C-alpha atoms as a PDB file:
ATOM      1  CA  MET A   1     104.116  79.933 123.456  1.00  0.00           C
ATOM      2  CA  ASN A   2     101.327  77.528 124.233  1.00  0.00           C
ATOM      3  CA  ILE A   3     102.999  74.686 126.138  1.00  0.00           C
ATOM      4  CA  GLY A   4      99.806  73.456 127.817  1.00  0.00           C
ATOM      5  CA  CYS A   5      97.890  73.092 124.577  1.00  0.00           C
ATOM      6  CA  THR A   6     100.851  71.283 123.034  1.00  0.00           C
ATOM      7  CA  ILE A   7     100.981  68.822 125.941  1.00  0.00           C
ATOM      8  CA  ARG A   8      97.226  68.215 125.699  1.00  0.00           C
ATOM      9  CA  ALA A   9      97.375  67.687 121.927  1.00  0.00           C
ATOM     10  CA  ILE A  10     100.200  65.144 122.218  1.00  0.00           C
ATOM     11  CA  ARG A  11      98.493  63.366 125.125  1.00  0.00           C
ATOM     12  CA  LYS A  12      95.191  63.089 123.247  1.00  0.00           C
ATOM     13  CA  ARG A  13      96.850  62.038 119.977  1.00  0.00           C
ATOM     14  CA  LYS A  14      98.546  59.197 121.864  1.00  0.00           C
ATOM     15  CA  GLY A  15      95.282  58.201 123.575  1.00  0.00           C
ATOM     16  CA  ILE A  16      96.626  58.933 127.065  1.00  0.00           C
ATOM     17  CA  THR A  17      94.234  60.106 129.780  1.00  0.00           C
ATOM     18  CA  ILE A  18      95.076  62.708 132.414  1.00  0.00           C
ATOM     19  CA  PRO A  19      95.043  60.010 135.148  1.00  0.00           C
ATOM     20  CA  GLN A  20      97.508  57.926 133.123  1.00  0.00           C
ATOM     21  CA  LEU A  21      99.771  60.953 132.657  1.00  0.00           C
ATOM     22  CA  CYS A  22      99.582  61.678 136.401  1.00  0.00           C
ATOM     23  CA  GLU A  23     100.427  58.083 137.282  1.00  0.00           C
ATOM     24  CA  GLY A  24     103.316  57.980 134.799  1.00  0.00           C
ATOM     25  CA  THR A  25     104.839  61.273 135.918  1.00  0.00           C
ATOM     26  CA  GLY A  26     103.935  61.413 139.599  1.00  0.00           C
ATOM     27  CA  LEU A  27     102.338  64.834 139.052  1.00  0.00           C
ATOM     28  CA  SER A  28      98.914  65.686 140.450  1.00  0.00           C
ATOM     29  CA  ARG A  29      95.734  65.773 138.367  1.00  0.00           C
ATOM     30  CA  GLY A  30      95.095  69.413 139.342  1.00  0.00           C
ATOM     31  CA  PHE A  31      98.617  70.405 138.298  1.00  0.00           C
ATOM     32  CA  ILE A  32      98.355  68.654 134.916  1.00  0.00           C
ATOM     33  CA  SER A  33      94.945  70.213 134.375  1.00  0.00           C
ATOM     34  CA  ASN A  34      96.290  73.687 135.161  1.00  0.00           C
ATOM     35  CA  VAL A  35      99.303  73.143 132.878  1.00  0.00           C
ATOM     36  CA  GLU A  36      97.117  72.007 129.971  1.00  0.00           C
ATOM     37  CA  THR A  37      94.842  75.034 130.348  1.00  0.00           C
ATOM     38  CA  ASN A  38      97.860  77.357 130.671  1.00  0.00           C
ATOM     39  CA  LYS A  39      96.822  78.432 134.168  1.00  0.00           C
ATOM     40  CA  THR A  40     100.244  77.518 135.524  1.00  0.00           C
ATOM     41  CA  SER A  41     103.725  77.329 134.044  1.00  0.00           C
ATOM     42  CA  PRO A  42     105.481  74.048 134.737  1.00  0.00           C
ATOM     43  CA  SER A  43     109.087  73.895 135.884  1.00  0.00           C
ATOM     44  CA  ILE A  44     111.739  72.405 133.616  1.00  0.00           C
ATOM     45  CA  ALA A  45     111.777  69.344 135.912  1.00  0.00           C
ATOM     46  CA  SER A  46     108.003  68.868 135.462  1.00  0.00           C
ATOM     47  CA  LEU A  47     108.282  69.374 131.702  1.00  0.00           C
ATOM     48  CA  GLU A  48     111.038  66.783 131.591  1.00  0.00           C
ATOM     49  CA  LEU A  49     108.818  64.243 133.394  1.00  0.00           C
ATOM     50  CA  ILE A  50     105.938  64.957 131.008  1.00  0.00           C
ATOM     51  CA  ALA A  51     108.170  64.842 127.912  1.00  0.00           C
ATOM     52  CA  ASN A  52     109.709  61.535 128.966  1.00  0.00           C
ATOM     53  CA  PHE A  53     106.312  59.982 129.629  1.00  0.00           C
ATOM     54  CA  LEU A  54     104.919  61.239 126.300  1.00  0.00           C
ATOM     55  CA  ASN A  55     108.134  60.126 124.567  1.00  0.00           C
ATOM     56  CA  VAL A  56     108.865  63.508 122.953  1.00  0.00           C
ATOM     57  CA  PRO A  57     111.922  65.735 123.299  1.00  0.00           C
ATOM     58  CA  ILE A  58     111.377  68.530 125.827  1.00  0.00           C
ATOM     59  CA  THR A  59     112.351  71.050 123.134  1.00  0.00           C
ATOM     60  CA  TYR A  60     109.167  70.169 121.223  1.00  0.00           C
ATOM     61  CA  PHE A  61     107.163  72.117 123.797  1.00  0.00           C
ATOM     62  CA  PHE A  62     109.056  75.310 122.888  1.00  0.00           C
ATOM     63  CA  LEU A  63     108.644  75.243 119.112  1.00  0.00           C
ATOM     64  CA  THR A  64     106.915  78.197 117.503  1.00  0.00           C
ATOM     65  CA  ASP A  65     104.178  77.625 114.922  1.00  0.00           C
ATOM     66  CA  LYS A  66     106.687  78.453 112.174  1.00  0.00           C
ATOM     67  CA  GLU A  67     109.015  75.693 113.415  1.00  0.00           C
ATOM     68  CA  ARG A  68     106.331  73.003 113.407  1.00  0.00           C
ATOM     69  CA  MET A  69     105.304  70.798 110.521  1.00  0.00           C
ATOM     70  CA  THR A  70     103.957  72.575 107.474  1.00  0.00           C
ATOM     71  CA  VAL A  71     101.598  71.055 104.922  1.00  0.00           C
ATOM     72  CA  VAL A  72     101.225  72.087 101.295  1.00  0.00           C
ATOM     73  CA  ARG A  73      98.114  70.569  99.738  1.00  0.00           C
ATOM     74  CA  LYS A  74      98.347  69.373  96.152  1.00  0.00           C
ATOM     75  CA  ASN A  75      96.011  72.114  94.903  1.00  0.00           C
ATOM     76  CA  GLU A  76      98.094  74.780  96.720  1.00  0.00           C
ATOM     77  CA  ARG A  77     101.473  73.953  95.149  1.00  0.00           C
ATOM     78  CA  LYS A  78     103.285  76.562  93.101  1.00  0.00           C
ATOM     79  CA  ILE A  79     104.043  75.463  89.546  1.00  0.00           C
ATOM     80  CA  LYS A  80     106.554  77.226  87.316  1.00  0.00           C
ATOM     81  CA  SER A  81     107.427  76.504  83.733  1.00  0.00           C
ATOM     82  CA  PHE A  82     111.040  76.843  82.657  1.00  0.00           C
ATOM     83  CA  GLY A  83     110.955  76.353  78.922  1.00  0.00           C
ATOM     84  CA  ILE A  84     109.797  72.800  78.422  1.00  0.00           C
ATOM     85  CA  PHE A  85     110.043  71.711  82.070  1.00  0.00           C
ATOM     86  CA  ASN A  86     107.279  72.147  84.601  1.00  0.00           C
ATOM     87  CA  ILE A  87     108.527  72.444  88.160  1.00  0.00           C
ATOM     88  CA  GLU A  88     106.045  71.786  90.938  1.00  0.00           C
ATOM     89  CA  TYR A  89     107.267  73.103  94.290  1.00  0.00           C
ATOM     90  CA  LEU A  90     106.195  70.614  96.958  1.00  0.00           C
ATOM     91  CA  THR A  91     107.566  72.507  99.941  1.00  0.00           C
ATOM     92  CA  THR A  92     110.171  75.032 100.958  1.00  0.00           C
ATOM     93  CA  VAL A  93     111.653  75.094 104.441  1.00  0.00           C
ATOM     94  CA  GLY A  94     114.378  77.670 104.948  1.00  0.00           C
ATOM     95  CA  PRO A  95     117.170  76.853 102.487  1.00  0.00           C
ATOM     96  CA  LEU A  96     115.601  73.507 101.442  1.00  0.00           C
ATOM     97  CA  ARG A  97     113.293  73.184  98.421  1.00  0.00           C
ATOM     98  CA  VAL A  98     111.618  69.967  97.303  1.00  0.00           C
ATOM     99  CA  MET A  99     110.271  69.799  93.756  1.00  0.00           C
ATOM    100  CA  LEU A 100     108.680  67.464  91.217  1.00  0.00           C
ATOM    101  CA  VAL A 101     109.954  67.968  87.689  1.00  0.00           C
ATOM    102  CA  ALA A 102     108.078  66.414  84.771  1.00  0.00           C
ATOM    103  CA  SER A 103     109.731  66.153  81.355  1.00  0.00           C
ATOM    104  CA  GLN A 104     109.044  64.732  77.918  1.00  0.00           C
ATOM    105  CA  PRO A 105     111.459  62.577  75.905  1.00  0.00           C
ATOM    106  CA  GLY A 106     114.409  64.671  74.748  1.00  0.00           C
ATOM    107  CA  ASP A 107     113.791  67.488  77.224  1.00  0.00           C
ATOM    108  CA  VAL A 108     116.918  69.030  78.717  1.00  0.00           C
ATOM    109  CA  THR A 109     117.068  71.263  81.785  1.00  0.00           C
ATOM    110  CA  GLY A 110     118.414  73.930  79.489  1.00  0.00           C
ATOM    111  CA  GLU A 111     121.969  74.910  78.829  1.00  0.00           C
ATOM    112  CA  THR A 112     124.466  73.441  81.230  1.00  0.00           C
ATOM    113  CA  HIS A 113     124.140  75.633  84.308  1.00  0.00           C
ATOM    114  CA  PHE A 114     125.435  75.998  87.852  1.00  0.00           C
ATOM    115  CA  HIS A 115     124.403  77.716  91.073  1.00  0.00           C
ATOM    116  CA  GLU A 116     125.155  77.613  94.779  1.00  0.00           C
ATOM    117  CA  GLY A 117     124.063  74.680  96.884  1.00  0.00           C
ATOM    118  CA  HIS A 118     123.533  70.945  96.634  1.00  0.00           C
ATOM    119  CA  GLU A 119     120.889  68.878  94.873  1.00  0.00           C
ATOM    120  CA  CYS A 120     119.595  65.342  95.376  1.00  0.00           C
ATOM    121  CA  HIS A 121     117.486  63.686  92.661  1.00  0.00           C
ATOM    122  CA  VAL A 122     115.358  60.536  92.566  1.00  0.00           C
ATOM    123  CA  VAL A 123     114.099  59.187  89.249  1.00  0.00           C
ATOM    124  CA  LEU A 124     110.426  58.401  89.912  1.00  0.00           C
ATOM    125  CA  LYS A 125     109.562  57.627  86.307  1.00  0.00           C
ATOM    126  CA  GLY A 126     111.478  57.385  83.049  1.00  0.00           C
ATOM    127  CA  ARG A 127     115.125  57.274  81.998  1.00  0.00           C
ATOM    128  CA  TYR A 128     117.585  60.149  82.312  1.00  0.00           C
ATOM    129  CA  ARG A 129     121.180  61.098  81.661  1.00  0.00           C
ATOM    130  CA  ALA A 130     122.717  63.321  84.300  1.00  0.00           C
ATOM    131  CA  GLU A 131     125.787  65.375  83.372  1.00  0.00           C
ATOM    132  CA  HIS A 132     127.921  66.958  86.078  1.00  0.00           C
ATOM    133  CA  GLY A 133     131.256  68.461  85.116  1.00  0.00           C
ATOM    134  CA  SER A 134     132.994  65.733  83.119  1.00  0.00           C
ATOM    135  CA  ASP A 135     130.794  62.954  84.586  1.00  0.00           C
ATOM    136  CA  SER A 136     127.823  61.478  82.746  1.00  0.00           C
ATOM    137  CA  VAL A 137     125.575  58.663  83.961  1.00  0.00           C
ATOM    138  CA  VAL A 138     122.362  56.997  82.751  1.00  0.00           C
ATOM    139  CA  LEU A 139     119.688  56.619  85.424  1.00  0.00           C
ATOM    140  CA  GLU A 140     116.586  54.447  85.576  1.00  0.00           C
ATOM    141  CA  GLU A 141     113.440  54.531  87.689  1.00  0.00           C
ATOM    142  CA  GLY A 142     114.361  54.254  91.380  1.00  0.00           C
ATOM    143  CA  ASP A 143     117.945  55.486  90.926  1.00  0.00           C
ATOM    144  CA  ALA A 144     119.119  58.485  92.928  1.00  0.00           C
ATOM    145  CA  PHE A 145     121.998  60.911  92.492  1.00  0.00           C
ATOM    146  CA  SER A 146     123.288  64.051  94.156  1.00  0.00           C
ATOM    147  CA  TRP A 147     125.809  66.735  93.428  1.00  0.00           C
ATOM    148  CA  ASN A 148     127.385  70.023  94.310  1.00  0.00           C
ATOM    149  CA  ALA A 149     125.338  72.401  92.162  1.00  0.00           C
ATOM    150  CA  SER A 150     128.224  74.859  91.733  1.00  0.00           C
ATOM    151  CA  ILE A 151     129.674  72.438  89.136  1.00  0.00           C
ATOM    152  CA  PRO A 152     128.100  72.867  85.662  1.00  0.00           C
ATOM    153  CA  HIS A 153     125.292  70.315  85.247  1.00  0.00           C
ATOM    154  CA  ASN A 154     122.144  69.347  83.416  1.00  0.00           C
ATOM    155  CA  VAL A 155     119.656  66.480  83.183  1.00  0.00           C
ATOM    156  CA  ILE A 156     118.233  65.022  79.971  1.00  0.00           C
ATOM    157  CA  ASN A 157     115.173  62.780  79.563  1.00  0.00           C
ATOM    158  CA  ILE A 158     116.596  60.046  77.290  1.00  0.00           C
ATOM    159  CA  GLY A 159     113.603  57.726  77.611  1.00  0.00           C
ATOM    160  CA  ASP A 160     110.644  57.316  75.254  1.00  0.00           C
ATOM    161  CA  THR A 161     108.023  58.275  77.850  1.00  0.00           C
ATOM    162  CA  GLU A 162     107.339  61.169  80.170  1.00  0.00           C
ATOM    163  CA  GLY A 163     109.818  61.301  83.030  1.00  0.00           C
ATOM    164  CA  LEU A 164     109.423  62.478  86.594  1.00  0.00           C
ATOM    165  CA  LEU A 165     112.153  63.554  89.012  1.00  0.00           C
ATOM    166  CA  LEU A 166     111.914  64.328  92.720  1.00  0.00           C
ATOM    167  CA  ILE A 167     114.541  66.967  93.512  1.00  0.00           C
ATOM    168  CA  ALA A 168     115.671  68.348  96.853  1.00  0.00           C
ATOM    169  CA  SER A 169     117.769  71.483  96.577  1.00  0.00           C
ATOM    170  CA  TYR A 170     119.656  73.013  99.507  1.00  0.00           C
ATOM    171  CA  LYS A 171     121.293  76.435  99.377  1.00  0.00           C
ATOM    172  CA  GLU A 172     122.702  78.168 102.459  1.00  0.00           C
END
């Protein structure tokens, strides 16, 4: 755990100087300096003062690297083809997956299928028909829909141009 470096990074990102942090928290310059260089461990009370001044939750200081923001660059994304659909995995965090799915007119996600979890879709481009159990709805660019994925479902590109869906899938 690198609390001092985290405090320094937040302070610098916000353009706050050590003297400003000292004035805002009532803590000494030497103490703040020692905290930021990990030469001393601050008390919970001191961390609370610092967190409040920096306007971050105190728990942020205790996050591991794995719990912090992750970035997947465009050229690092995993792409899988499922028949006629290309699925580009934007990010995966625990049980949450976010994907871009491109399709051509007439493409169907395959046979009606089901699986555990929930899905949320946003139509970024094109025109689709979503079928979920006995429900069927036509969706245009900008429309969003979600469903319990354990009910048989599929999505069909019913437009005359390439379509693009943003899908978030959550499975416990």
